[in-house]
Amino acid sequence: MKKFLLFGLGNPGNDFSYTRHNLGADILQKWIEYMRLQGATVSTWNTHEKFHARVCGIIFGDCEVTILSPLVFMNESGKVLHAYLRYHPLEREQMLVLYDDLELQLGEMKFQASGSAHGHNGMRSVHEYMGNTNVPQLRIGIGRPFAQRATGGAAAQVMPIDKYVLSTFTPDEKRILEEKESGILEALTSFVSL
């Protein structure tokens, strides 16, 4: 049976669910439901303190996929992947880290076999714990914040990046993401079906 690992970066807790910075973890939650509807066998989530994560398993065809959802904050994401791989060694091409990316337009995705964290602190942590940048990634665009017009003739303000990534999507942005969602879910399915 072919084995794969999908790790969606995000912050733990309901306060961070559906924020821009949790897009990687949130997309994997949607992929789990997508796979269930496709007839895959999906386990319940189990908490594994030694991995600093919740773990879910999916079996379909000749593939076994493990999903990791972090129980630590974004800046410590690397310890989740490192701890899991200590107990379950995999080749790099058997894993994929999903995360939000400011440099890509909303809903745009880009597979990357290795390389830069593109300023993302969670991915930077993964690189530090793994000891190199040879980590397959799926970057999912959240875009950059736009300047908001101020009232009374004041200068336009741009939301600071730290506040922007921890904010939720607007209704228009949610609609755009929903339109792009099936393509992202199908891309994940293709990745683990190779």
N, C-alpha and C. Protein backbone atom coordinates (compact mmCIF):
# COMPACT_ATOMS: atom_id res chain seq x y z
N MET A 1 0.85 -1.18 0.00
CA MET A 1 0.00 0.00 0.00
C MET A 1 0.89 1.24 0.00
N LYS A 2 0.56 2.21 -0.86
CA LYS A 2 1.31 3.47 -0.91
C LYS A 2 0.91 4.34 0.26
N LYS A 3 1.92 4.94 0.92
CA LYS A 3 1.66 5.79 2.08
C LYS A 3 2.02 7.23 1.77
N PHE A 4 1.16 8.14 2.27
CA PHE A 4 1.38 9.57 2.09
C PHE A 4 1.05 10.29 3.40
N LEU A 5 1.62 11.48 3.53
CA LEU A 5 1.37 12.34 4.68
C LEU A 5 1.01 13.73 4.15
N LEU A 6 -0.12 14.26 4.62
CA LEU A 6 -0.54 15.62 4.31
C LEU A 6 -0.59 16.40 5.62
N PHE A 7 0.08 17.53 5.65
CA PHE A 7 0.17 18.35 6.85
C PHE A 7 -0.30 19.75 6.52
N GLY A 8 -1.43 20.15 7.10
CA GLY A 8 -1.99 21.47 6.87
C GLY A 8 -1.60 22.42 7.99
N LEU A 9 -0.86 23.47 7.66
CA LEU A 9 -0.42 24.40 8.69
C LEU A 9 -1.58 25.27 9.16
N GLY A 10 -1.57 25.52 10.46
CA GLY A 10 -2.60 26.35 11.06
C GLY A 10 -2.35 26.48 12.55
N ASN A 11 -3.10 27.35 13.18
CA ASN A 11 -3.03 27.52 14.63
C ASN A 11 -4.13 26.68 15.27
N PRO A 12 -3.88 26.14 16.47
CA PRO A 12 -4.89 25.31 17.12
C PRO A 12 -6.01 26.15 17.75
N GLY A 13 -7.16 25.53 17.89
CA GLY A 13 -8.27 26.17 18.59
C GLY A 13 -9.29 26.80 17.67
N ASN A 14 -10.51 26.89 18.16
CA ASN A 14 -11.62 27.42 17.37
C ASN A 14 -11.47 28.89 17.03
N ASP A 15 -10.71 29.64 17.84
CA ASP A 15 -10.52 31.07 17.56
C ASP A 15 -9.83 31.30 16.23
N PHE A 16 -9.07 30.31 15.76
CA PHE A 16 -8.30 30.48 14.53
C PHE A 16 -8.91 29.76 13.33
N SER A 17 -9.94 28.96 13.56
CA SER A 17 -10.57 28.25 12.45
C SER A 17 -11.09 29.25 11.43
N TYR A 18 -10.89 28.93 10.19
CA TYR A 18 -11.37 29.71 9.05
C TYR A 18 -10.74 31.10 8.94
N THR A 19 -9.59 31.28 9.59
CA THR A 19 -8.82 32.50 9.33
C THR A 19 -7.91 32.23 8.13
N ARG A 20 -7.38 33.30 7.57
CA ARG A 20 -6.50 33.15 6.40
C ARG A 20 -5.30 32.26 6.72
N HIS A 21 -4.75 32.41 7.91
CA HIS A 21 -3.53 31.68 8.27
C HIS A 21 -3.81 30.18 8.47
N ASN A 22 -5.04 29.80 8.65
CA ASN A 22 -5.40 28.38 8.84
C ASN A 22 -5.87 27.73 7.55
N LEU A 23 -5.68 28.38 6.43
CA LEU A 23 -6.20 27.86 5.17
C LEU A 23 -5.68 26.46 4.86
N GLY A 24 -4.41 26.19 5.13
CA GLY A 24 -3.86 24.85 4.87
C GLY A 24 -4.59 23.78 5.65
N ALA A 25 -4.76 23.98 6.96
CA ALA A 25 -5.46 23.02 7.80
C ALA A 25 -6.94 22.93 7.43
N ASP A 26 -7.56 24.06 7.12
CA ASP A 26 -8.98 24.06 6.77
C ASP A 26 -9.24 23.35 5.44
N ILE A 27 -8.35 23.52 4.47
CA ILE A 27 -8.51 22.82 3.18
C ILE A 27 -8.42 21.31 3.40
N LEU A 28 -7.51 20.87 4.26
CA LEU A 28 -7.41 19.42 4.50
C LEU A 28 -8.68 18.88 5.16
N GLN A 29 -9.30 19.66 6.02
CA GLN A 29 -10.56 19.23 6.61
C GLN A 29 -11.62 19.04 5.53
N LYS A 30 -11.65 19.94 4.57
CA LYS A 30 -12.60 19.80 3.45
C LYS A 30 -12.24 18.61 2.57
N TRP A 31 -10.94 18.34 2.39
CA TRP A 31 -10.52 17.20 1.59
C TRP A 31 -10.94 15.88 2.25
N ILE A 32 -10.87 15.83 3.56
CA ILE A 32 -11.30 14.63 4.28
C ILE A 32 -12.77 14.35 3.97
N GLU A 33 -13.62 15.38 4.04
CA GLU A 33 -15.04 15.19 3.74
C GLU A 33 -15.25 14.84 2.27
N TYR A 34 -14.48 15.45 1.39
CA TYR A 34 -14.53 15.14 -0.04
C TYR A 34 -14.20 13.65 -0.27
N MET A 35 -13.16 13.17 0.39
CA MET A 35 -12.76 11.77 0.23
C MET A 35 -13.81 10.82 0.81
N ARG A 36 -14.42 11.21 1.90
CA ARG A 36 -15.49 10.40 2.49
C ARG A 36 -16.63 10.24 1.48
N LEU A 37 -16.98 11.33 0.81
CA LEU A 37 -18.04 11.28 -0.20
C LEU A 37 -17.64 10.45 -1.42
N GLN A 38 -16.32 10.32 -1.65
CA GLN A 38 -15.82 9.51 -2.76
C GLN A 38 -15.74 8.03 -2.39
N GLY A 39 -16.11 7.70 -1.15
CA GLY A 39 -16.12 6.30 -0.71
C GLY A 39 -14.89 5.85 0.04
N ALA A 40 -13.99 6.76 0.37
CA ALA A 40 -12.79 6.41 1.13
C ALA A 40 -13.16 6.06 2.56
N THR A 41 -12.34 5.23 3.18
CA THR A 41 -12.49 4.92 4.60
C THR A 41 -11.74 5.99 5.37
N VAL A 42 -12.45 6.70 6.25
CA VAL A 42 -11.86 7.81 6.99
C VAL A 42 -11.98 7.53 8.48
N SER A 43 -10.84 7.59 9.18
CA SER A 43 -10.85 7.37 10.63
C SER A 43 -11.32 8.63 11.35
N THR A 44 -11.59 8.49 12.62
CA THR A 44 -11.88 9.67 13.44
C THR A 44 -10.54 10.32 13.79
N TRP A 45 -10.60 11.60 14.18
CA TRP A 45 -9.40 12.30 14.61
C TRP A 45 -8.95 11.75 15.96
N ASN A 46 -7.67 11.52 16.11
CA ASN A 46 -7.09 11.10 17.38
C ASN A 46 -5.98 12.08 17.75
N THR A 47 -5.92 12.44 19.03
CA THR A 47 -4.87 13.33 19.50
C THR A 47 -3.64 12.50 19.87
N HIS A 48 -2.49 12.91 19.34
CA HIS A 48 -1.21 12.26 19.64
C HIS A 48 -0.26 13.32 20.18
N GLU A 49 -0.13 13.34 21.51
CA GLU A 49 0.72 14.35 22.15
C GLU A 49 2.16 14.24 21.69
N LYS A 50 2.65 13.01 21.43
CA LYS A 50 4.05 12.88 21.02
C LYS A 50 4.31 13.51 19.64
N PHE A 51 3.25 13.68 18.84
CA PHE A 51 3.39 14.35 17.54
C PHE A 51 2.97 15.82 17.62
N HIS A 52 2.43 16.24 18.77
CA HIS A 52 1.91 17.61 18.92
C HIS A 52 0.82 17.88 17.88
N ALA A 53 -0.01 16.85 17.62
CA ALA A 53 -0.99 16.97 16.53
C ALA A 53 -2.18 16.05 16.75
N ARG A 54 -3.24 16.39 16.02
CA ARG A 54 -4.35 15.47 15.83
C ARG A 54 -4.06 14.73 14.52
N VAL A 55 -4.45 13.46 14.48
CA VAL A 55 -4.13 12.61 13.33
C VAL A 55 -5.40 11.95 12.83
N CYS A 56 -5.56 11.93 11.51
CA CYS A 56 -6.68 11.27 10.86
C CYS A 56 -6.11 10.42 9.72
N GLY A 57 -6.70 9.26 9.50
CA GLY A 57 -6.24 8.39 8.42
C GLY A 57 -7.31 8.20 7.37
N ILE A 58 -6.87 8.09 6.11
CA ILE A 58 -7.77 7.87 4.99
C ILE A 58 -7.20 6.72 4.16
N ILE A 59 -8.06 5.78 3.82
CA ILE A 59 -7.66 4.68 2.95
C ILE A 59 -8.60 4.66 1.75
N PHE A 60 -8.00 4.64 0.57
CA PHE A 60 -8.77 4.49 -0.66
C PHE A 60 -7.87 3.83 -1.69
N GLY A 61 -8.44 2.91 -2.45
CA GLY A 61 -7.65 2.17 -3.43
C GLY A 61 -6.46 1.54 -2.73
N ASP A 62 -5.27 1.75 -3.29
CA ASP A 62 -4.06 1.21 -2.67
C ASP A 62 -3.27 2.30 -1.94
N CYS A 63 -3.97 3.35 -1.48
CA CYS A 63 -3.33 4.48 -0.80
C CYS A 63 -3.78 4.59 0.65
N GLU A 64 -2.82 4.88 1.50
CA GLU A 64 -3.08 5.18 2.90
C GLU A 64 -2.52 6.57 3.17
N VAL A 65 -3.39 7.49 3.55
CA VAL A 65 -2.98 8.88 3.74
C VAL A 65 -3.19 9.26 5.20
N THR A 66 -2.14 9.82 5.80
CA THR A 66 -2.23 10.35 7.16
C THR A 66 -2.33 11.86 7.06
N ILE A 67 -3.28 12.42 7.82
CA ILE A 67 -3.48 13.86 7.88
C ILE A 67 -3.04 14.33 9.26
N LEU A 68 -2.20 15.37 9.29
CA LEU A 68 -1.78 15.96 10.56
C LEU A 68 -2.39 17.35 10.70
N SER A 69 -2.94 17.62 11.87
CA SER A 69 -3.45 18.94 12.20
C SER A 69 -2.76 19.37 13.49
N PRO A 70 -2.01 20.47 13.47
CA PRO A 70 -1.15 20.84 14.60
C PRO A 70 -1.91 21.23 15.86
N LEU A 71 -1.31 20.87 17.00
CA LEU A 71 -1.79 21.31 18.31
C LEU A 71 -0.88 22.39 18.89
N VAL A 72 0.06 22.85 18.08
CA VAL A 72 0.98 23.92 18.48
C VAL A 72 0.75 25.11 17.56
N PHE A 73 1.25 26.27 17.97
CA PHE A 73 1.06 27.46 17.16
C PHE A 73 1.97 27.44 15.93
N MET A 74 1.60 28.24 14.96
CA MET A 74 2.23 28.26 13.64
C MET A 74 3.75 28.25 13.69
N ASN A 75 4.33 29.06 14.55
CA ASN A 75 5.79 29.19 14.59
C ASN A 75 6.49 27.93 15.06
N GLU A 76 5.73 26.94 15.55
CA GLU A 76 6.31 25.67 16.00
C GLU A 76 5.90 24.51 15.10
N SER A 77 5.40 24.79 13.92
CA SER A 77 4.89 23.75 13.01
C SER A 77 5.91 22.67 12.71
N GLY A 78 7.17 23.05 12.62
CA GLY A 78 8.20 22.08 12.27
C GLY A 78 8.31 20.94 13.24
N LYS A 79 8.05 21.19 14.52
CA LYS A 79 8.19 20.11 15.50
C LYS A 79 7.12 19.03 15.29
N VAL A 80 5.97 19.39 14.72
CA VAL A 80 4.92 18.40 14.43
C VAL A 80 5.41 17.42 13.36
N LEU A 81 5.87 17.95 12.26
CA LEU A 81 6.34 17.10 11.16
C LEU A 81 7.55 16.28 11.58
N HIS A 82 8.49 16.92 12.26
CA HIS A 82 9.70 16.23 12.72
C HIS A 82 9.36 15.07 13.66
N ALA A 83 8.47 15.32 14.62
CA ALA A 83 8.09 14.28 15.57
C ALA A 83 7.38 13.11 14.87
N TYR A 84 6.48 13.43 13.95
CA TYR A 84 5.77 12.36 13.24
C TYR A 84 6.75 11.50 12.43
N LEU A 85 7.65 12.13 11.72
CA LEU A 85 8.58 11.40 10.86
C LEU A 85 9.61 10.59 11.66
N ARG A 86 9.83 10.97 12.90
CA ARG A 86 10.73 10.18 13.75
C ARG A 86 10.15 8.79 13.99
N TYR A 87 8.84 8.69 14.09
CA TYR A 87 8.17 7.41 14.34
C TYR A 87 7.70 6.73 13.04
N HIS A 88 7.47 7.53 12.00
CA HIS A 88 6.94 7.02 10.73
C HIS A 88 7.75 7.61 9.57
N PRO A 89 8.96 7.10 9.34
CA PRO A 89 9.80 7.68 8.28
C PRO A 89 9.14 7.55 6.89
N LEU A 90 9.24 8.62 6.13
CA LEU A 90 8.72 8.65 4.76
C LEU A 90 9.73 9.36 3.87
N GLU A 91 9.68 9.05 2.60
CA GLU A 91 10.47 9.78 1.62
C GLU A 91 9.81 11.14 1.41
N ARG A 92 10.59 12.12 1.01
CA ARG A 92 10.05 13.48 0.82
C ARG A 92 8.90 13.51 -0.18
N GLU A 93 8.98 12.70 -1.23
CA GLU A 93 7.91 12.73 -2.24
C GLU A 93 6.61 12.11 -1.75
N GLN A 94 6.61 11.55 -0.54
CA GLN A 94 5.40 10.98 0.04
C GLN A 94 4.68 11.95 0.97
N MET A 95 5.20 13.17 1.08
CA MET A 95 4.59 14.14 2.00
C MET A 95 4.32 15.46 1.29
N LEU A 96 3.39 16.20 1.86
CA LEU A 96 3.04 17.50 1.31
C LEU A 96 2.58 18.40 2.46
N VAL A 97 3.14 19.60 2.52
CA VAL A 97 2.74 20.59 3.52
C VAL A 97 1.90 21.65 2.81
N LEU A 98 0.71 21.91 3.33
CA LEU A 98 -0.20 22.92 2.75
C LEU A 98 -0.19 24.15 3.64
N TYR A 99 -0.11 25.33 3.00
CA TYR A 99 -0.15 26.55 3.79
C TYR A 99 -0.61 27.74 2.97
N ASP A 100 -1.04 28.78 3.68
CA ASP A 100 -1.50 30.03 3.07
C ASP A 100 -0.31 30.83 2.57
N ASP A 101 -0.50 31.55 1.46
CA ASP A 101 0.59 32.31 0.88
C ASP A 101 0.11 33.70 0.45
N LEU A 102 0.74 34.71 1.01
CA LEU A 102 0.41 36.11 0.69
C LEU A 102 0.77 36.49 -0.74
N GLU A 103 1.76 35.82 -1.31
CA GLU A 103 2.28 36.20 -2.63
C GLU A 103 1.43 35.69 -3.79
N LEU A 104 0.53 34.78 -3.52
CA LEU A 104 -0.35 34.24 -4.56
C LEU A 104 -1.73 34.87 -4.42
N GLN A 105 -2.40 35.06 -5.56
CA GLN A 105 -3.75 35.60 -5.53
C GLN A 105 -4.69 34.63 -4.81
N LEU A 106 -5.75 35.15 -4.27
CA LEU A 106 -6.71 34.36 -3.51
C LEU A 106 -7.15 33.12 -4.29
N GLY A 107 -6.95 31.96 -3.68
CA GLY A 107 -7.38 30.69 -4.26
C GLY A 107 -6.42 30.09 -5.26
N GLU A 108 -5.41 30.83 -5.68
CA GLU A 108 -4.40 30.28 -6.60
C GLU A 108 -3.56 29.28 -5.83
N MET A 109 -3.15 28.19 -6.49
CA MET A 109 -2.31 27.21 -5.81
C MET A 109 -1.06 26.95 -6.62
N LYS A 110 -0.01 26.57 -5.89
CA LYS A 110 1.25 26.27 -6.55
C LYS A 110 1.95 25.15 -5.80
N PHE A 111 2.20 24.03 -6.52
CA PHE A 111 3.00 22.95 -5.95
C PHE A 111 4.46 23.34 -6.07
N GLN A 112 5.22 22.97 -5.06
CA GLN A 112 6.64 23.26 -5.05
C GLN A 112 7.34 22.05 -4.43
N ALA A 113 8.28 21.43 -5.14
CA ALA A 113 8.97 20.25 -4.64
C ALA A 113 9.88 20.58 -3.47
N SER A 114 10.41 21.78 -3.45
CA SER A 114 11.28 22.23 -2.36
C SER A 114 11.45 23.73 -2.52
N GLY A 115 12.14 24.33 -1.56
CA GLY A 115 12.46 25.74 -1.73
C GLY A 115 11.98 26.63 -0.61
N SER A 116 11.99 27.90 -0.89
CA SER A 116 11.74 28.97 0.06
C SER A 116 10.40 28.83 0.80
N ALA A 117 10.39 29.38 2.01
CA ALA A 117 9.16 29.45 2.80
C ALA A 117 8.34 30.67 2.39
N HIS A 118 8.87 31.52 1.53
CA HIS A 118 8.18 32.72 1.05
C HIS A 118 7.69 33.60 2.21
N GLY A 119 8.51 33.68 3.26
CA GLY A 119 8.18 34.53 4.39
C GLY A 119 7.19 33.94 5.38
N HIS A 120 6.76 32.71 5.17
CA HIS A 120 5.77 32.07 6.05
C HIS A 120 6.48 31.45 7.25
N ASN A 121 6.14 31.92 8.45
CA ASN A 121 6.82 31.46 9.66
C ASN A 121 6.59 29.98 9.96
N GLY A 122 5.42 29.47 9.65
CA GLY A 122 5.17 28.04 9.86
C GLY A 122 6.04 27.18 8.96
N MET A 123 6.15 27.57 7.70
CA MET A 123 6.98 26.81 6.76
C MET A 123 8.45 26.99 7.10
N ARG A 124 8.82 28.16 7.56
CA ARG A 124 10.21 28.39 8.01
C ARG A 124 10.54 27.44 9.16
N SER A 125 9.61 27.24 10.08
CA SER A 125 9.81 26.31 11.18
C SER A 125 9.98 24.87 10.66
N VAL A 126 9.19 24.49 9.67
CA VAL A 126 9.32 23.16 9.06
C VAL A 126 10.73 23.00 8.50
N HIS A 127 11.21 23.99 7.78
CA HIS A 127 12.57 23.92 7.20
C HIS A 127 13.62 23.80 8.29
N GLU A 128 13.46 24.55 9.37
CA GLU A 128 14.43 24.50 10.47
C GLU A 128 14.47 23.12 11.11
N TYR A 129 13.31 22.55 11.42
CA TYR A 129 13.27 21.24 12.06
C TYR A 129 13.72 20.13 11.12
N MET A 130 13.44 20.27 9.84
CA MET A 130 13.84 19.23 8.88
C MET A 130 15.31 19.38 8.47
N GLY A 131 15.90 20.53 8.74
CA GLY A 131 17.31 20.73 8.45
C GLY A 131 17.60 21.16 7.03
N ASN A 132 16.57 21.36 6.22
CA ASN A 132 16.75 21.83 4.84
C ASN A 132 15.41 22.28 4.28
N THR A 133 15.44 22.77 3.05
CA THR A 133 14.22 23.26 2.42
C THR A 133 13.65 22.26 1.43
N ASN A 134 14.12 21.02 1.48
CA ASN A 134 13.66 19.98 0.57
C ASN A 134 12.37 19.34 1.09
N VAL A 135 11.32 20.16 1.17
CA VAL A 135 10.03 19.71 1.69
C VAL A 135 8.95 20.08 0.68
N PRO A 136 8.25 19.10 0.11
CA PRO A 136 7.18 19.41 -0.86
C PRO A 136 6.08 20.27 -0.22
N GLN A 137 5.61 21.26 -0.99
CA GLN A 137 4.65 22.23 -0.47
C GLN A 137 3.53 22.48 -1.47
N LEU A 138 2.36 22.73 -0.92
CA LEU A 138 1.27 23.28 -1.73
C LEU A 138 0.94 24.63 -1.12
N ARG A 139 1.29 25.68 -1.85
CA ARG A 139 1.02 27.04 -1.42
C ARG A 139 -0.36 27.43 -1.96
N ILE A 140 -1.21 27.97 -1.07
CA ILE A 140 -2.56 28.37 -1.47
C ILE A 140 -2.70 29.87 -1.18
N GLY A 141 -3.01 30.62 -2.23
CA GLY A 141 -3.01 32.07 -2.13
C GLY A 141 -4.11 32.66 -1.27
N ILE A 142 -3.70 33.65 -0.47
CA ILE A 142 -4.66 34.47 0.29
C ILE A 142 -4.56 35.93 -0.16
N GLY A 143 -3.60 36.23 -1.03
CA GLY A 143 -3.41 37.60 -1.50
C GLY A 143 -2.89 38.50 -0.39
N ARG A 144 -2.63 39.72 -0.76
CA ARG A 144 -2.16 40.72 0.21
C ARG A 144 -3.31 41.65 0.57
N PRO A 145 -3.24 42.28 1.75
CA PRO A 145 -4.31 43.22 2.12
C PRO A 145 -4.27 44.46 1.22
N PHE A 146 -5.44 44.96 0.91
CA PHE A 146 -5.57 46.17 0.11
C PHE A 146 -5.73 47.36 1.03
N ALA A 147 -5.37 48.52 0.52
CA ALA A 147 -5.55 49.75 1.28
C ALA A 147 -7.04 50.03 1.42
N GLN A 148 -7.44 50.40 2.61
CA GLN A 148 -8.84 50.75 2.88
C GLN A 148 -8.96 52.27 2.87
N ARG A 149 -9.95 52.77 2.18
CA ARG A 149 -10.16 54.22 2.14
C ARG A 149 -10.60 54.70 3.52
N ALA A 150 -9.94 55.74 3.96
CA ALA A 150 -10.29 56.32 5.26
C ALA A 150 -11.36 57.39 5.05
N THR A 151 -12.09 57.67 6.10
CA THR A 151 -13.13 58.71 6.02
C THR A 151 -12.54 60.07 6.35
N GLY A 152 -13.20 61.10 5.92
CA GLY A 152 -12.79 62.46 6.27
C GLY A 152 -11.51 62.92 5.60
N GLY A 153 -11.14 62.31 4.47
CA GLY A 153 -9.96 62.76 3.75
C GLY A 153 -8.65 62.23 4.29
N ALA A 154 -8.69 61.35 5.30
CA ALA A 154 -7.45 60.78 5.85
C ALA A 154 -6.83 59.82 4.84
N ALA A 155 -5.54 59.59 4.99
CA ALA A 155 -4.81 58.69 4.08
C ALA A 155 -5.34 57.26 4.20
N ALA A 156 -5.24 56.54 3.09
CA ALA A 156 -5.65 55.13 3.07
C ALA A 156 -4.74 54.32 3.98
N GLN A 157 -5.30 53.32 4.61
CA GLN A 157 -4.56 52.46 5.53
C GLN A 157 -4.54 51.03 5.00
N VAL A 158 -3.41 50.37 5.16
CA VAL A 158 -3.31 48.95 4.82
C VAL A 158 -3.26 48.18 6.12
N MET A 159 -4.09 47.13 6.22
CA MET A 159 -4.12 46.31 7.42
C MET A 159 -2.74 45.66 7.61
N PRO A 160 -2.17 45.71 8.82
CA PRO A 160 -0.89 45.05 9.07
C PRO A 160 -1.00 43.54 8.76
N ILE A 161 0.08 42.97 8.24
CA ILE A 161 0.08 41.57 7.82
C ILE A 161 -0.32 40.63 8.96
N ASP A 162 0.19 40.85 10.18
CA ASP A 162 -0.14 39.95 11.27
C ASP A 162 -1.64 39.95 11.58
N LYS A 163 -2.29 41.07 11.46
CA LYS A 163 -3.74 41.13 11.67
C LYS A 163 -4.48 40.54 10.48
N TYR A 164 -3.97 40.80 9.29
CA TYR A 164 -4.60 40.29 8.06
C TYR A 164 -4.65 38.77 8.05
N VAL A 165 -3.53 38.10 8.34
CA VAL A 165 -3.52 36.63 8.26
C VAL A 165 -4.38 35.99 9.34
N LEU A 166 -4.61 36.71 10.43
CA LEU A 166 -5.45 36.16 11.51
C LEU A 166 -6.91 36.59 11.40
N SER A 167 -7.23 37.29 10.31
CA SER A 167 -8.63 37.68 10.09
C SER A 167 -9.34 36.63 9.23
N THR A 168 -10.66 36.66 9.27
CA THR A 168 -11.45 35.73 8.46
C THR A 168 -11.67 36.32 7.07
N PHE A 169 -12.07 35.47 6.15
CA PHE A 169 -12.32 35.91 4.79
C PHE A 169 -13.63 36.69 4.71
N THR A 170 -13.68 37.65 3.82
CA THR A 170 -14.91 38.40 3.58
C THR A 170 -15.89 37.49 2.81
N PRO A 171 -17.16 37.84 2.76
CA PRO A 171 -18.11 37.04 1.98
C PRO A 171 -17.69 36.88 0.50
N ASP A 172 -17.18 37.95 -0.11
CA ASP A 172 -16.73 37.85 -1.50
C ASP A 172 -15.53 36.91 -1.63
N GLU A 173 -14.61 36.98 -0.67
CA GLU A 173 -13.44 36.09 -0.70
C GLU A 173 -13.86 34.63 -0.48
N LYS A 174 -14.82 34.41 0.39
CA LYS A 174 -15.32 33.05 0.61
C LYS A 174 -15.90 32.48 -0.69
N ARG A 175 -16.62 33.31 -1.42
CA ARG A 175 -17.21 32.87 -2.70
C ARG A 175 -16.11 32.48 -3.68
N ILE A 176 -15.06 33.30 -3.76
CA ILE A 176 -13.94 33.00 -4.67
C ILE A 176 -13.27 31.69 -4.26
N LEU A 177 -13.04 31.50 -2.97
CA LEU A 177 -12.42 30.26 -2.50
C LEU A 177 -13.30 29.04 -2.81
N GLU A 178 -14.61 29.18 -2.63
CA GLU A 178 -15.52 28.08 -2.94
C GLU A 178 -15.45 27.70 -4.42
N GLU A 179 -15.29 28.72 -5.29
CA GLU A 179 -15.16 28.45 -6.72
C GLU A 179 -13.86 27.71 -7.05
N LYS A 180 -12.80 27.96 -6.29
CA LYS A 180 -11.49 27.35 -6.52
C LYS A 180 -11.33 26.03 -5.77
N GLU A 181 -12.20 25.77 -4.81
CA GLU A 181 -12.04 24.64 -3.90
C GLU A 181 -11.96 23.28 -4.62
N SER A 182 -12.83 23.03 -5.58
CA SER A 182 -12.83 21.71 -6.22
C SER A 182 -11.50 21.44 -6.92
N GLY A 183 -10.91 22.46 -7.53
CA GLY A 183 -9.61 22.28 -8.17
C GLY A 183 -8.52 21.93 -7.18
N ILE A 184 -8.55 22.55 -5.99
CA ILE A 184 -7.56 22.26 -4.96
C ILE A 184 -7.76 20.85 -4.43
N LEU A 185 -9.01 20.45 -4.17
CA LEU A 185 -9.29 19.11 -3.66
C LEU A 185 -8.89 18.04 -4.67
N GLU A 186 -9.16 18.28 -5.93
CA GLU A 186 -8.77 17.33 -6.97
C GLU A 186 -7.25 17.24 -7.10
N ALA A 187 -6.56 18.38 -6.92
CA ALA A 187 -5.10 18.37 -6.98
C ALA A 187 -4.52 17.53 -5.85
N LEU A 188 -5.09 17.64 -4.66
CA LEU A 188 -4.64 16.82 -3.53
C LEU A 188 -4.86 15.34 -3.81
N THR A 189 -6.01 15.01 -4.36
CA THR A 189 -6.31 13.62 -4.69
C THR A 189 -5.32 13.09 -5.73
N SER A 190 -5.00 13.90 -6.70
CA SER A 190 -4.01 13.51 -7.71
C SER A 190 -2.64 13.28 -7.09
N PHE A 191 -2.25 14.14 -6.16
CA PHE A 191 -0.95 14.01 -5.50
C PHE A 191 -0.80 12.66 -4.83
N VAL A 192 -1.82 12.23 -4.09
CA VAL A 192 -1.71 10.97 -3.35
C VAL A 192 -2.06 9.76 -4.22
N SER A 193 -2.48 9.98 -5.44
CA SER A 193 -2.82 8.87 -6.34
C SER A 193 -1.69 8.53 -7.29
N LEU A 194 -0.59 9.27 -7.23
CA LEU A 194 0.53 9.04 -8.16
C LEU A 194 1.25 7.75 -7.87
